[in-house]
């Protein structure tokens, strides 16, 4: 799981000065996020979370590509600003660090993450 997160961070960092992410769909269990530099014309990455039990944050994210933006936490997480639910045994807490208002992270608790990196015109 950590390897997938590292690959996503590396793909987004390569050749981009910034990156925007938007929730493209959420059906209560499956979450799909798309990302690119101009989401009105195309996206370059699709990140899918399965068996989602919690999410919190803005639905559109702006990230700084000069550093890692996606992190995975299994056991502990600084929750001084938020009262987070306990992460289930088979789940992970995924954290997107953003450049948005107040630096509020986007959080997802899910069992799995998958991604596809290819340009898709809208």
PDB file of N, CA and C in Angstrom:
ATOM      1  N   UNK A   1       0.826  -1.189   0.000  1.00  0.00           N
ATOM      2  CA  UNK A   1       0.000   0.000   0.000  1.00  0.00           C
ATOM      3  C   UNK A   1       0.878   1.265   0.000  1.00  0.00           C
ATOM      4  N   UNK A   2       1.913   1.233   0.807  1.00  0.00           N
ATOM      5  CA  UNK A   2       2.847   2.365   0.866  1.00  0.00           C
ATOM      6  C   UNK A   2       3.511   2.593  -0.495  1.00  0.00           C
ATOM      7  N   UNK A   3       3.790   1.514  -1.218  1.00  0.00           N
ATOM      8  CA  UNK A   3       4.403   1.620  -2.546  1.00  0.00           C
ATOM      9  C   UNK A   3       3.479   2.356  -3.512  1.00  0.00           C
ATOM     10  N   UNK A   4       2.187   2.050  -3.485  1.00  0.00           N
ATOM     11  CA  UNK A   4       1.232   2.725  -4.371  1.00  0.00           C
ATOM     12  C   UNK A   4       1.176   4.221  -4.079  1.00  0.00           C
ATOM     13  N   UNK A   5       1.173   4.572  -2.806  1.00  0.00           N
ATOM     14  CA  UNK A   5       1.140   5.986  -2.419  1.00  0.00           C
ATOM     15  C   UNK A   5       2.406   6.693  -2.904  1.00  0.00           C
ATOM     16  N   UNK A   6       3.555   6.056  -2.758  1.00  0.00           N
ATOM     17  CA  UNK A   6       4.813   6.641  -3.231  1.00  0.00           C
ATOM     18  C   UNK A   6       4.802   6.818  -4.748  1.00  0.00           C
ATOM     19  N   UNK A   7       4.253   5.851  -5.476  1.00  0.00           N
ATOM     20  CA  UNK A   7       4.169   5.954  -6.937  1.00  0.00           C
ATOM     21  C   UNK A   7       3.272   7.112  -7.353  1.00  0.00           C
ATOM     22  N   UNK A   8       2.144   7.292  -6.678  1.00  0.00           N
ATOM     23  CA  UNK A   8       1.234   8.400  -6.990  1.00  0.00           C
ATOM     24  C   UNK A   8       1.939   9.736  -6.766  1.00  0.00           C
ATOM     25  N   UNK A   9       2.616   9.872  -5.629  1.00  0.00           N
ATOM     26  CA  UNK A   9       3.353  11.106  -5.348  1.00  0.00           C
ATOM     27  C   UNK A   9       4.384  11.396  -6.432  1.00  0.00           C
ATOM     28  N   UNK A  10       5.107  10.383  -6.875  1.00  0.00           N
ATOM     29  CA  UNK A  10       6.151  10.557  -7.887  1.00  0.00           C
ATOM     30  C   UNK A  10       5.551  10.929  -9.239  1.00  0.00           C
ATOM     31  N   UNK A  11       4.469  10.268  -9.646  1.00  0.00           N
ATOM     32  CA  UNK A  11       3.840  10.569 -10.926  1.00  0.00           C
ATOM     33  C   UNK A  11       3.337  12.009 -10.992  1.00  0.00           C
ATOM     34  N   UNK A  12       2.725  12.459  -9.925  1.00  0.00           N
ATOM     35  CA  UNK A  12       2.182  13.815  -9.905  1.00  0.00           C
ATOM     36  C   UNK A  12       3.298  14.855  -9.862  1.00  0.00           C
ATOM     37  N   UNK A  13       4.369  14.553  -9.189  1.00  0.00           N
ATOM     38  CA  UNK A  13       5.486  15.499  -9.063  1.00  0.00           C
ATOM     39  C   UNK A  13       6.192  15.715 -10.400  1.00  0.00           C
ATOM     40  N   UNK A  14       6.318  14.691 -11.216  1.00  0.00           N
ATOM     41  CA  UNK A  14       7.094  14.773 -12.461  1.00  0.00           C
ATOM     42  C   UNK A  14       6.521  15.801 -13.435  1.00  0.00           C
ATOM     43  N   UNK A  15       7.236  16.917 -13.593  1.00  0.00           N
ATOM     44  CA  UNK A  15       6.911  17.889 -14.625  1.00  0.00           C
ATOM     45  C   UNK A  15       5.723  18.793 -14.356  1.00  0.00           C
ATOM     46  N   UNK A  16       5.196  18.823 -13.150  1.00  0.00           N
ATOM     47  CA  UNK A  16       4.047  19.673 -12.844  1.00  0.00           C
ATOM     48  C   UNK A  16       4.416  20.709 -11.785  1.00  0.00           C
ATOM     49  N   UNK A  17       3.965  21.944 -11.995  1.00  0.00           N
ATOM     50  CA  UNK A  17       4.177  22.989 -11.000  1.00  0.00           C
ATOM     51  C   UNK A  17       3.080  22.981  -9.945  1.00  0.00           C
ATOM     52  N   UNK A  18       1.916  22.530 -10.307  1.00  0.00           N
ATOM     53  CA  UNK A  18       0.789  22.384  -9.390  1.00  0.00           C
ATOM     54  C   UNK A  18      -0.074  21.249  -9.899  1.00  0.00           C
ATOM     55  N   UNK A  19      -1.067  20.891  -9.125  1.00  0.00           N
ATOM     56  CA  UNK A  19      -1.981  19.836  -9.522  1.00  0.00           C
ATOM     57  C   UNK A  19      -3.297  20.086  -8.803  1.00  0.00           C
ATOM     58  N   UNK A  20      -4.393  19.897  -9.496  1.00  0.00           N
ATOM     59  CA  UNK A  20      -5.719  20.015  -8.896  1.00  0.00           C
ATOM     60  C   UNK A  20      -6.367  18.640  -8.871  1.00  0.00           C
ATOM     61  N   UNK A  21      -7.107  18.381  -7.817  1.00  0.00           N
ATOM     62  CA  UNK A  21      -7.816  17.120  -7.662  1.00  0.00           C
ATOM     63  C   UNK A  21      -9.286  17.407  -7.368  1.00  0.00           C
ATOM     64  N   UNK A  22     -10.176  16.632  -7.964  1.00  0.00           N
ATOM     65  CA  UNK A  22     -11.618  16.751  -7.725  1.00  0.00           C
ATOM     66  C   UNK A  22     -12.214  15.376  -7.497  1.00  0.00           C
ATOM     67  N   UNK A  23     -13.217  15.326  -6.646  1.00  0.00           N
ATOM     68  CA  UNK A  23     -13.993  14.091  -6.512  1.00  0.00           C
ATOM     69  C   UNK A  23     -14.846  13.970  -7.772  1.00  0.00           C
ATOM     70  N   UNK A  24     -14.704  12.868  -8.481  1.00  0.00           N
ATOM     71  CA  UNK A  24     -15.519  12.680  -9.684  1.00  0.00           C
ATOM     72  C   UNK A  24     -16.726  11.800  -9.410  1.00  0.00           C
ATOM     73  N   UNK A  25     -16.617  10.900  -8.414  1.00  0.00           N
ATOM     74  CA  UNK A  25     -17.783  10.105  -8.025  1.00  0.00           C
ATOM     75  C   UNK A  25     -17.577   9.497  -6.641  1.00  0.00           C
ATOM     76  N   UNK A  26     -18.692   9.313  -5.965  1.00  0.00           N
ATOM     77  CA  UNK A  26     -18.694   8.641  -4.666  1.00  0.00           C
ATOM     78  C   UNK A  26     -20.066   8.013  -4.489  1.00  0.00           C
ATOM     79  N   UNK A  27     -20.107   6.703  -4.328  1.00  0.00           N
ATOM     80  CA  UNK A  27     -21.386   6.011  -4.192  1.00  0.00           C
ATOM     81  C   UNK A  27     -21.649   5.509  -2.769  1.00  0.00           C
ATOM     82  N   UNK A  28     -20.870   5.995  -1.825  1.00  0.00           N
ATOM     83  CA  UNK A  28     -21.033   5.562  -0.442  1.00  0.00           C
ATOM     84  C   UNK A  28     -19.995   4.547  -0.015  1.00  0.00           C
ATOM     85  N   UNK A  29     -19.388   3.857  -0.988  1.00  0.00           N
ATOM     86  CA  UNK A  29     -18.356   2.860  -0.689  1.00  0.00           C
ATOM     87  C   UNK A  29     -17.124   3.005  -1.573  1.00  0.00           C
ATOM     88  N   UNK A  30     -17.327   3.463  -2.793  1.00  0.00           N
ATOM     89  CA  UNK A  30     -16.238   3.632  -3.749  1.00  0.00           C
ATOM     90  C   UNK A  30     -16.074   5.123  -4.041  1.00  0.00           C
ATOM     91  N   UNK A  31     -14.838   5.616  -3.910  1.00  0.00           N
ATOM     92  CA  UNK A  31     -14.541   7.023  -4.142  1.00  0.00           C
ATOM     93  C   UNK A  31     -13.559   7.127  -5.293  1.00  0.00           C
ATOM     94  N   UNK A  32     -13.866   7.999  -6.243  1.00  0.00           N
ATOM     95  CA  UNK A  32     -12.978   8.227  -7.375  1.00  0.00           C
ATOM     96  C   UNK A  32     -12.594   9.699  -7.415  1.00  0.00           C
ATOM     97  N   UNK A  33     -11.289   9.942  -7.470  1.00  0.00           N
ATOM     98  CA  UNK A  33     -10.740  11.297  -7.535  1.00  0.00           C
ATOM     99  C   UNK A  33      -9.928  11.405  -8.814  1.00  0.00           C
ATOM    100  N   UNK A  34     -10.148  12.503  -9.553  1.00  0.00           N
ATOM    101  CA  UNK A  34      -9.360  12.738 -10.761  1.00  0.00           C
ATOM    102  C   UNK A  34      -8.457  13.942 -10.524  1.00  0.00           C
ATOM    103  N   UNK A  35      -7.328  13.985 -11.236  1.00  0.00           N
ATOM    104  CA  UNK A  35      -6.396  15.092 -11.049  1.00  0.00           C
ATOM    105  C   UNK A  35      -5.694  15.481 -12.321  1.00  0.00           C
ATOM    106  N   UNK A  36      -5.332  16.757 -12.376  1.00  0.00           N
ATOM    107  CA  UNK A  36      -4.596  17.284 -13.519  1.00  0.00           C
ATOM    108  C   UNK A  36      -4.320  18.759 -13.335  1.00  0.00           C
ATOM    109  N   UNK A  37      -3.708  19.361 -14.349  1.00  0.00           N
ATOM    110  CA  UNK A  37      -3.399  20.786 -14.246  1.00  0.00           C
ATOM    111  C   UNK A  37      -4.529  21.652 -14.780  1.00  0.00           C
ATOM    112  N   UNK A  38      -5.457  21.087 -15.562  1.00  0.00           N
ATOM    113  CA  UNK A  38      -6.606  21.845 -16.060  1.00  0.00           C
ATOM    114  C   UNK A  38      -7.793  20.899 -16.193  1.00  0.00           C
ATOM    115  N   UNK A  39      -8.535  20.742 -15.124  1.00  0.00           N
ATOM    116  CA  UNK A  39      -9.618  19.765 -15.082  1.00  0.00           C
ATOM    117  C   UNK A  39     -10.830  20.156 -15.923  1.00  0.00           C
ATOM    118  N   UNK A  40     -10.807  21.319 -16.552  1.00  0.00           N
ATOM    119  CA  UNK A  40     -11.904  21.665 -17.452  1.00  0.00           C
ATOM    120  C   UNK A  40     -11.717  21.015 -18.826  1.00  0.00           C
ATOM    121  N   UNK A  41     -10.479  20.579 -19.133  1.00  0.00           N
ATOM    122  CA  UNK A  41     -10.194  19.973 -20.432  1.00  0.00           C
ATOM    123  C   UNK A  41      -9.777  18.501 -20.363  1.00  0.00           C
ATOM    124  N   UNK A  42      -9.022  18.134 -19.345  1.00  0.00           N
ATOM    125  CA  UNK A  42      -8.529  16.758 -19.250  1.00  0.00           C
ATOM    126  C   UNK A  42      -8.076  16.473 -17.830  1.00  0.00           C
ATOM    127  N   UNK A  43      -7.912  15.192 -17.549  1.00  0.00           N
ATOM    128  CA  UNK A  43      -7.266  14.784 -16.301  1.00  0.00           C
ATOM    129  C   UNK A  43      -6.191  13.768 -16.627  1.00  0.00           C
ATOM    130  N   UNK A  44      -5.233  13.630 -15.708  1.00  0.00           N
ATOM    131  CA  UNK A  44      -4.095  12.754 -15.950  1.00  0.00           C
ATOM    132  C   UNK A  44      -4.024  11.571 -14.991  1.00  0.00           C
ATOM    133  N   UNK A  45      -4.650  11.694 -13.840  1.00  0.00           N
ATOM    134  CA  UNK A  45      -4.613  10.596 -12.885  1.00  0.00           C
ATOM    135  C   UNK A  45      -6.011  10.358 -12.339  1.00  0.00           C
ATOM    136  N   UNK A  46      -6.289   9.101 -12.120  1.00  0.00           N
ATOM    137  CA  UNK A  46      -7.554   8.679 -11.520  1.00  0.00           C
ATOM    138  C   UNK A  46      -7.180   7.818 -10.316  1.00  0.00           C
ATOM    139  N   UNK A  47      -7.628   8.236  -9.139  1.00  0.00           N
ATOM    140  CA  UNK A  47      -7.328   7.518  -7.904  1.00  0.00           C
ATOM    141  C   UNK A  47      -8.638   6.959  -7.369  1.00  0.00           C
ATOM    142  N   UNK A  48      -8.669   5.651  -7.138  1.00  0.00           N
ATOM    143  CA  UNK A  48      -9.893   5.005  -6.656  1.00  0.00           C
ATOM    144  C   UNK A  48      -9.650   4.375  -5.286  1.00  0.00           C
ATOM    145  N   UNK A  49     -10.542   4.684  -4.379  1.00  0.00           N
ATOM    146  CA  UNK A  49     -10.529   4.088  -3.043  1.00  0.00           C
ATOM    147  C   UNK A  49     -11.702   3.128  -2.948  1.00  0.00           C
ATOM    148  N   UNK A  50     -11.472   1.966  -2.351  1.00  0.00           N
ATOM    149  CA  UNK A  50     -12.555   0.999  -2.190  1.00  0.00           C
ATOM    150  C   UNK A  50     -12.842   0.760  -0.715  1.00  0.00           C
ATOM    151  N   UNK A  51     -14.102   0.420  -0.451  1.00  0.00           N
ATOM    152  CA  UNK A  51     -14.613   0.193   0.903  1.00  0.00           C
ATOM    153  C   UNK A  51     -14.327   1.394   1.806  1.00  0.00           C
ATOM    154  N   UNK A  52     -14.751   2.556   1.342  1.00  0.00           N
ATOM    155  CA  UNK A  52     -14.577   3.804   2.085  1.00  0.00           C
ATOM    156  C   UNK A  52     -15.572   3.838   3.235  1.00  0.00           C
ATOM    157  N   UNK A  53     -15.084   4.167   4.428  1.00  0.00           N
ATOM    158  CA  UNK A  53     -15.992   4.286   5.572  1.00  0.00           C
ATOM    159  C   UNK A  53     -15.999   5.693   6.155  1.00  0.00           C
ATOM    160  N   UNK A  54     -15.076   6.577   5.691  1.00  0.00           N
ATOM    161  CA  UNK A  54     -15.021   7.947   6.202  1.00  0.00           C
ATOM    162  C   UNK A  54     -14.290   8.813   5.201  1.00  0.00           C
ATOM    163  N   UNK A  55     -14.786  10.053   5.026  1.00  0.00           N
ATOM    164  CA  UNK A  55     -14.028  11.051   4.282  1.00  0.00           C
ATOM    165  C   UNK A  55     -14.369  12.417   4.833  1.00  0.00           C
ATOM    166  N   UNK A  56     -13.385  13.313   4.743  1.00  0.00           N
ATOM    167  CA  UNK A  56     -13.536  14.651   5.301  1.00  0.00           C
ATOM    168  C   UNK A  56     -12.639  15.616   4.557  1.00  0.00           C
ATOM    169  N   UNK A  57     -13.183  16.759   4.184  1.00  0.00           N
ATOM    170  CA  UNK A  57     -12.382  17.781   3.533  1.00  0.00           C
ATOM    171  C   UNK A  57     -13.104  18.401   2.368  1.00  0.00           C
ATOM    172  N   UNK A  58     -12.420  19.294   1.681  1.00  0.00           N
ATOM    173  CA  UNK A  58     -12.977  19.964   0.518  1.00  0.00           C
ATOM    174  C   UNK A  58     -13.097  18.987  -0.652  1.00  0.00           C
ATOM    175  N   UNK A  59     -14.062  19.207  -1.528  1.00  0.00           N
ATOM    176  CA  UNK A  59     -14.260  18.307  -2.668  1.00  0.00           C
ATOM    177  C   UNK A  59     -13.343  18.632  -3.838  1.00  0.00           C
ATOM    178  N   UNK A  60     -12.767  19.820  -3.844  1.00  0.00           N
ATOM    179  CA  UNK A  60     -11.768  20.202  -4.840  1.00  0.00           C
ATOM    180  C   UNK A  60     -10.501  20.590  -4.101  1.00  0.00           C
ATOM    181  N   UNK A  61      -9.371  20.040  -4.541  1.00  0.00           N
ATOM    182  CA  UNK A  61      -8.112  20.236  -3.834  1.00  0.00           C
ATOM    183  C   UNK A  61      -7.066  20.829  -4.759  1.00  0.00           C
ATOM    184  N   UNK A  62      -6.246  21.704  -4.227  1.00  0.00           N
ATOM    185  CA  UNK A  62      -5.104  22.248  -4.947  1.00  0.00           C
ATOM    186  C   UNK A  62      -3.859  21.812  -4.181  1.00  0.00           C
ATOM    187  N   UNK A  63      -2.920  21.171  -4.871  1.00  0.00           N
ATOM    188  CA  UNK A  63      -1.747  20.647  -4.166  1.00  0.00           C
ATOM    189  C   UNK A  63      -0.458  21.214  -4.743  1.00  0.00           C
ATOM    190  N   UNK A  64       0.534  21.270  -3.887  1.00  0.00           N
ATOM    191  CA  UNK A  64       1.879  21.706  -4.235  1.00  0.00           C
ATOM    192  C   UNK A  64       2.672  20.459  -4.627  1.00  0.00           C
ATOM    193  N   UNK A  65       3.172  20.438  -5.854  1.00  0.00           N
ATOM    194  CA  UNK A  65       3.869  19.242  -6.338  1.00  0.00           C
ATOM    195  C   UNK A  65       5.356  19.232  -6.008  1.00  0.00           C
ATOM    196  N   UNK A  66       5.834  20.232  -5.288  1.00  0.00           N
ATOM    197  CA  UNK A  66       7.253  20.243  -4.929  1.00  0.00           C
ATOM    198  C   UNK A  66       7.559  19.300  -3.766  1.00  0.00           C
ATOM    199  N   UNK A  67       6.517  18.767  -3.153  1.00  0.00           N
ATOM    200  CA  UNK A  67       6.693  17.824  -2.044  1.00  0.00           C
ATOM    201  C   UNK A  67       5.592  16.770  -2.103  1.00  0.00           C
ATOM    202  N   UNK A  68       5.744  15.703  -1.347  1.00  0.00           N
ATOM    203  CA  UNK A  68       4.709  14.677  -1.299  1.00  0.00           C
ATOM    204  C   UNK A  68       3.407  15.279  -0.798  1.00  0.00           C
ATOM    205  N   UNK A  69       2.299  14.826  -1.369  1.00  0.00           N
ATOM    206  CA  UNK A  69       0.995  15.331  -0.964  1.00  0.00           C
ATOM    207  C   UNK A  69       0.090  14.248  -0.401  1.00  0.00           C
ATOM    208  N   UNK A  70       0.378  12.987  -0.704  1.00  0.00           N
ATOM    209  CA  UNK A  70      -0.459  11.882  -0.259  1.00  0.00           C
ATOM    210  C   UNK A  70       0.309  11.029   0.734  1.00  0.00           C
ATOM    211  N   UNK A  71      -0.327  10.770   1.861  1.00  0.00           N
ATOM    212  CA  UNK A  71       0.304  10.000   2.938  1.00  0.00           C
ATOM    213  C   UNK A  71      -0.658   8.924   3.408  1.00  0.00           C
ATOM    214  N   UNK A  72      -0.097   7.864   3.959  1.00  0.00           N
ATOM    215  CA  UNK A  72      -0.898   6.769   4.480  1.00  0.00           C
ATOM    216  C   UNK A  72      -0.536   6.564   5.948  1.00  0.00           C
ATOM    217  N   UNK A  73      -1.560   6.388   6.758  1.00  0.00           N
ATOM    218  CA  UNK A  73      -1.371   6.172   8.199  1.00  0.00           C
ATOM    219  C   UNK A  73      -2.138   4.906   8.576  1.00  0.00           C
ATOM    220  N   UNK A  74      -1.507   4.042   9.324  1.00  0.00           N
ATOM    221  CA  UNK A  74      -2.191   2.826   9.753  1.00  0.00           C
ATOM    222  C   UNK A  74      -2.578   2.877  11.226  1.00  0.00           C
ATOM    223  N   UNK A  75      -1.663   3.299  12.080  1.00  0.00           N
ATOM    224  CA  UNK A  75      -1.922   3.206  13.507  1.00  0.00           C
ATOM    225  C   UNK A  75      -2.268   4.531  14.169  1.00  0.00           C
ATOM    226  N   UNK A  76      -1.466   5.546  13.954  1.00  0.00           N
ATOM    227  CA  UNK A  76      -1.699   6.796  14.670  1.00  0.00           C
ATOM    228  C   UNK A  76      -1.781   7.961  13.701  1.00  0.00           C
ATOM    229  N   UNK A  77      -2.495   8.966  14.122  1.00  0.00           N
ATOM    230  CA  UNK A  77      -2.634  10.167  13.317  1.00  0.00           C
ATOM    231  C   UNK A  77      -2.895  11.326  14.270  1.00  0.00           C
ATOM    232  N   UNK A  78      -2.234  12.446  14.019  1.00  0.00           N
ATOM    233  CA  UNK A  78      -2.453  13.630  14.843  1.00  0.00           C
ATOM    234  C   UNK A  78      -3.869  14.137  14.604  1.00  0.00           C
ATOM    235  N   UNK A  79      -4.718  14.007  15.580  1.00  0.00           N
ATOM    236  CA  UNK A  79      -6.113  14.424  15.405  1.00  0.00           C
ATOM    237  C   UNK A  79      -6.460  15.578  16.329  1.00  0.00           C
ATOM    238  N   UNK A  80      -5.510  16.452  16.573  1.00  0.00           N
ATOM    239  CA  UNK A  80      -5.740  17.563  17.487  1.00  0.00           C
ATOM    240  C   UNK A  80      -6.819  18.506  16.967  1.00  0.00           C
ATOM    241  N   UNK A  81      -6.945  18.635  15.629  1.00  0.00           N
ATOM    242  CA  UNK A  81      -7.948  19.541  15.062  1.00  0.00           C
ATOM    243  C   UNK A  81      -9.250  18.837  14.727  1.00  0.00           C
ATOM    244  N   UNK A  82      -9.245  17.512  14.721  1.00  0.00           N
ATOM    245  CA  UNK A  82     -10.435  16.767  14.308  1.00  0.00           C
ATOM    246  C   UNK A  82     -10.652  15.582  15.226  1.00  0.00           C
ATOM    247  N   UNK A  83     -11.880  15.223  15.389  1.00  0.00           N
ATOM    248  CA  UNK A  83     -12.223  14.025  16.128  1.00  0.00           C
ATOM    249  C   UNK A  83     -12.474  12.924  15.098  1.00  0.00           C
ATOM    250  N   UNK A  84     -11.446  12.131  14.814  1.00  0.00           N
ATOM    251  CA  UNK A  84     -11.534  11.122  13.764  1.00  0.00           C
ATOM    252  C   UNK A  84     -12.014   9.787  14.326  1.00  0.00           C
ATOM    253  N   UNK A  85     -12.734   9.036  13.509  1.00  0.00           N
ATOM    254  CA  UNK A  85     -13.120   7.695  13.953  1.00  0.00           C
ATOM    255  C   UNK A  85     -11.901   6.774  13.998  1.00  0.00           C
ATOM    256  N   UNK A  86     -12.028   5.701  14.736  1.00  0.00           N
ATOM    257  CA  UNK A  86     -10.953   4.704  14.815  1.00  0.00           C
ATOM    258  C   UNK A  86     -10.826   4.008  13.470  1.00  0.00           C
ATOM    259  N   UNK A  87      -9.598   3.838  13.016  1.00  0.00           N
ATOM    260  CA  UNK A  87      -9.347   3.151  11.752  1.00  0.00           C
ATOM    261  C   UNK A  87      -9.554   1.659  11.971  1.00  0.00           C
ATOM    262  N   UNK A  88     -10.383   1.049  11.148  1.00  0.00           N
ATOM    263  CA  UNK A  88     -10.660  -0.391  11.256  1.00  0.00           C
ATOM    264  C   UNK A  88      -9.404  -1.196  10.972  1.00  0.00           C
ATOM    265  N   UNK A  89      -9.393  -2.447  11.433  1.00  0.00           N
ATOM    266  CA  UNK A  89      -8.213  -3.310  11.276  1.00  0.00           C
ATOM    267  C   UNK A  89      -7.787  -3.484   9.821  1.00  0.00           C
ATOM    268  N   UNK A  90      -8.726  -3.562   8.905  1.00  0.00           N
ATOM    269  CA  UNK A  90      -8.392  -3.807   7.501  1.00  0.00           C
ATOM    270  C   UNK A  90      -8.389  -2.529   6.658  1.00  0.00           C
ATOM    271  N   UNK A  91      -8.413  -1.372   7.307  1.00  0.00           N
ATOM    272  CA  UNK A  91      -8.458  -0.089   6.597  1.00  0.00           C
ATOM    273  C   UNK A  91      -7.207   0.737   6.872  1.00  0.00           C
ATOM    274  N   UNK A  92      -7.059   1.782   6.069  1.00  0.00           N
ATOM    275  CA  UNK A  92      -5.956   2.721   6.192  1.00  0.00           C
ATOM    276  C   UNK A  92      -6.521   4.132   6.158  1.00  0.00           C
ATOM    277  N   UNK A  93      -5.822   5.055   6.800  1.00  0.00           N
ATOM    278  CA  UNK A  93      -6.180   6.470   6.712  1.00  0.00           C
ATOM    279  C   UNK A  93      -5.262   7.110   5.681  1.00  0.00           C
ATOM    280  N   UNK A  94      -5.865   7.638   4.618  1.00  0.00           N
ATOM    281  CA  UNK A  94      -5.133   8.332   3.560  1.00  0.00           C
ATOM    282  C   UNK A  94      -5.316   9.829   3.770  1.00  0.00           C
ATOM    283  N   UNK A  95      -4.213  10.557   3.727  1.00  0.00           N
ATOM    284  CA  UNK A  95      -4.238  12.001   3.950  1.00  0.00           C
ATOM    285  C   UNK A  95      -3.675  12.725   2.734  1.00  0.00           C
ATOM    286  N   UNK A  96      -4.464  13.652   2.182  1.00  0.00           N
ATOM    287  CA  UNK A  96      -4.015  14.532   1.115  1.00  0.00           C
ATOM    288  C   UNK A  96      -3.682  15.870   1.754  1.00  0.00           C
ATOM    289  N   UNK A  97      -2.422  16.297   1.675  1.00  0.00           N
ATOM    290  CA  UNK A  97      -2.052  17.637   2.145  1.00  0.00           C
ATOM    291  C   UNK A  97      -2.314  18.602   1.005  1.00  0.00           C
ATOM    292  N   UNK A  98      -3.005  19.701   1.311  1.00  0.00           N
ATOM    293  CA  UNK A  98      -3.426  20.628   0.276  1.00  0.00           C
ATOM    294  C   UNK A  98      -2.881  22.027   0.521  1.00  0.00           C
ATOM    295  N   UNK A  99      -3.014  22.870  -0.495  1.00  0.00           N
ATOM    296  CA  UNK A  99      -2.682  24.285  -0.387  1.00  0.00           C
ATOM    297  C   UNK A  99      -3.940  25.106  -0.126  1.00  0.00           C
ATOM    298  N   UNK A 100      -5.006  24.458   0.265  1.00  0.00           N
ATOM    299  CA  UNK A 100      -6.281  25.129   0.422  1.00  0.00           C
ATOM    300  C   UNK A 100      -6.392  25.849   1.762  1.00  0.00           C
ATOM    301  N   UNK A 101      -7.499  26.498   1.958  1.00  0.00           N
ATOM    302  CA  UNK A 101      -7.767  27.318   3.143  1.00  0.00           C
ATOM    303  C   UNK A 101      -7.407  26.575   4.422  1.00  0.00           C
ATOM    304  N   UNK A 102      -6.652  27.245   5.275  1.00  0.00           N
ATOM    305  CA  UNK A 102      -6.270  26.735   6.596  1.00  0.00           C
ATOM    306  C   UNK A 102      -5.441  25.458   6.550  1.00  0.00           C
ATOM    307  N   UNK A 103      -4.995  25.029   5.376  1.00  0.00           N
ATOM    308  CA  UNK A 103      -4.209  23.806   5.285  1.00  0.00           C
ATOM    309  C   UNK A 103      -4.972  22.567   5.713  1.00  0.00           C
ATOM    310  N   UNK A 104      -6.297  22.629   5.648  1.00  0.00           N
ATOM    311  CA  UNK A 104      -7.129  21.501   6.053  1.00  0.00           C
ATOM    312  C   UNK A 104      -6.871  20.310   5.135  1.00  0.00           C
ATOM    313  N   UNK A 105      -6.461  19.168   5.677  1.00  0.00           N
ATOM    314  CA  UNK A 105      -6.207  18.004   4.818  1.00  0.00           C
ATOM    315  C   UNK A 105      -7.507  17.372   4.363  1.00  0.00           C
ATOM    316  N   UNK A 106      -7.435  16.631   3.282  1.00  0.00           N
ATOM    317  CA  UNK A 106      -8.548  15.797   2.830  1.00  0.00           C
ATOM    318  C   UNK A 106      -8.231  14.396   3.321  1.00  0.00           C
ATOM    319  N   UNK A 107      -9.142  13.796   4.064  1.00  0.00           N
ATOM    320  CA  UNK A 107      -8.906  12.495   4.682  1.00  0.00           C
ATOM    321  C   UNK A 107      -9.877  11.455   4.155  1.00  0.00           C
ATOM    322  N   UNK A 108      -9.355  10.251   3.938  1.00  0.00           N
ATOM    323  CA  UNK A 108     -10.171   9.124   3.485  1.00  0.00           C
ATOM    324  C   UNK A 108      -9.750   7.898   4.289  1.00  0.00           C
ATOM    325  N   UNK A 109     -10.720   7.226   4.886  1.00  0.00           N
ATOM    326  CA  UNK A 109     -10.441   5.930   5.498  1.00  0.00           C
ATOM    327  C   UNK A 109     -11.042   4.879   4.572  1.00  0.00           C
ATOM    328  N   UNK A 110     -10.180   4.020   4.043  1.00  0.00           N
ATOM    329  CA  UNK A 110     -10.598   3.017   3.066  1.00  0.00           C
ATOM    330  C   UNK A 110      -9.714   1.782   3.187  1.00  0.00           C
ATOM    331  N   UNK A 111     -10.169   0.695   2.573  1.00  0.00           N
ATOM    332  CA  UNK A 111      -9.406  -0.552   2.608  1.00  0.00           C
ATOM    333  C   UNK A 111      -8.345  -0.627   1.532  1.00  0.00           C
ATOM    334  N   UNK A 112      -8.569   0.049   0.399  1.00  0.00           N
ATOM    335  CA  UNK A 112      -7.631  -0.102  -0.708  1.00  0.00           C
ATOM    336  C   UNK A 112      -7.569   1.163  -1.551  1.00  0.00           C
ATOM    337  N   UNK A 113      -6.469   1.322  -2.249  1.00  0.00           N
ATOM    338  CA  UNK A 113      -6.285   2.420  -3.194  1.00  0.00           C
ATOM    339  C   UNK A 113      -5.697   1.850  -4.478  1.00  0.00           C
ATOM    340  N   UNK A 114      -6.230   2.309  -5.596  1.00  0.00           N
ATOM    341  CA  UNK A 114      -5.721   1.956  -6.917  1.00  0.00           C
ATOM    342  C   UNK A 114      -5.618   3.248  -7.717  1.00  0.00           C
ATOM    343  N   UNK A 115      -4.792   3.249  -8.743  1.00  0.00           N
ATOM    344  CA  UNK A 115      -4.682   4.440  -9.570  1.00  0.00           C
ATOM    345  C   UNK A 115      -4.399   4.055 -11.007  1.00  0.00           C
ATOM    346  N   UNK A 116      -4.729   4.995 -11.886  1.00  0.00           N
ATOM    347  CA  UNK A 116      -4.428   4.847 -13.312  1.00  0.00           C
ATOM    348  C   UNK A 116      -3.897   6.201 -13.771  1.00  0.00           C
ATOM    349  N   UNK A 117      -2.749   6.199 -14.426  1.00  0.00           N
ATOM    350  CA  UNK A 117      -2.139   7.443 -14.891  1.00  0.00           C
ATOM    351  C   UNK A 117      -2.127   7.445 -16.407  1.00  0.00           C
ATOM    352  N   UNK A 118      -3.044   8.197 -16.982  1.00  0.00           N
ATOM    353  CA  UNK A 118      -3.093   8.413 -18.429  1.00  0.00           C
ATOM    354  C   UNK A 118      -3.970   9.626 -18.698  1.00  0.00           C
ATOM    355  N   UNK A 119      -3.641  10.354 -19.740  1.00  0.00           N
ATOM    356  CA  UNK A 119      -4.415  11.549 -20.057  1.00  0.00           C
ATOM    357  C   UNK A 119      -5.765  11.157 -20.633  1.00  0.00           C
ATOM    358  N   UNK A 120      -6.824  11.746 -20.058  1.00  0.00           N
ATOM    359  CA  UNK A 120      -8.188  11.506 -20.523  1.00  0.00           C
ATOM    360  C   UNK A 120      -8.815  12.869 -20.811  1.00  0.00           C
ATOM    361  N   UNK A 121      -9.195  13.102 -22.069  1.00  0.00           N
ATOM    362  CA  UNK A 121      -9.848  14.360 -22.439  1.00  0.00           C
ATOM    363  C   UNK A 121     -11.294  14.341 -21.999  1.00  0.00           C
ATOM    364  N   UNK A 122     -11.756  15.471 -21.500  1.00  0.00           N
ATOM    365  CA  UNK A 122     -13.137  15.576 -21.045  1.00  0.00           C
ATOM    366  C   UNK A 122     -14.030  16.150 -22.128  1.00  0.00           C
TER     367      UNK A 122
END
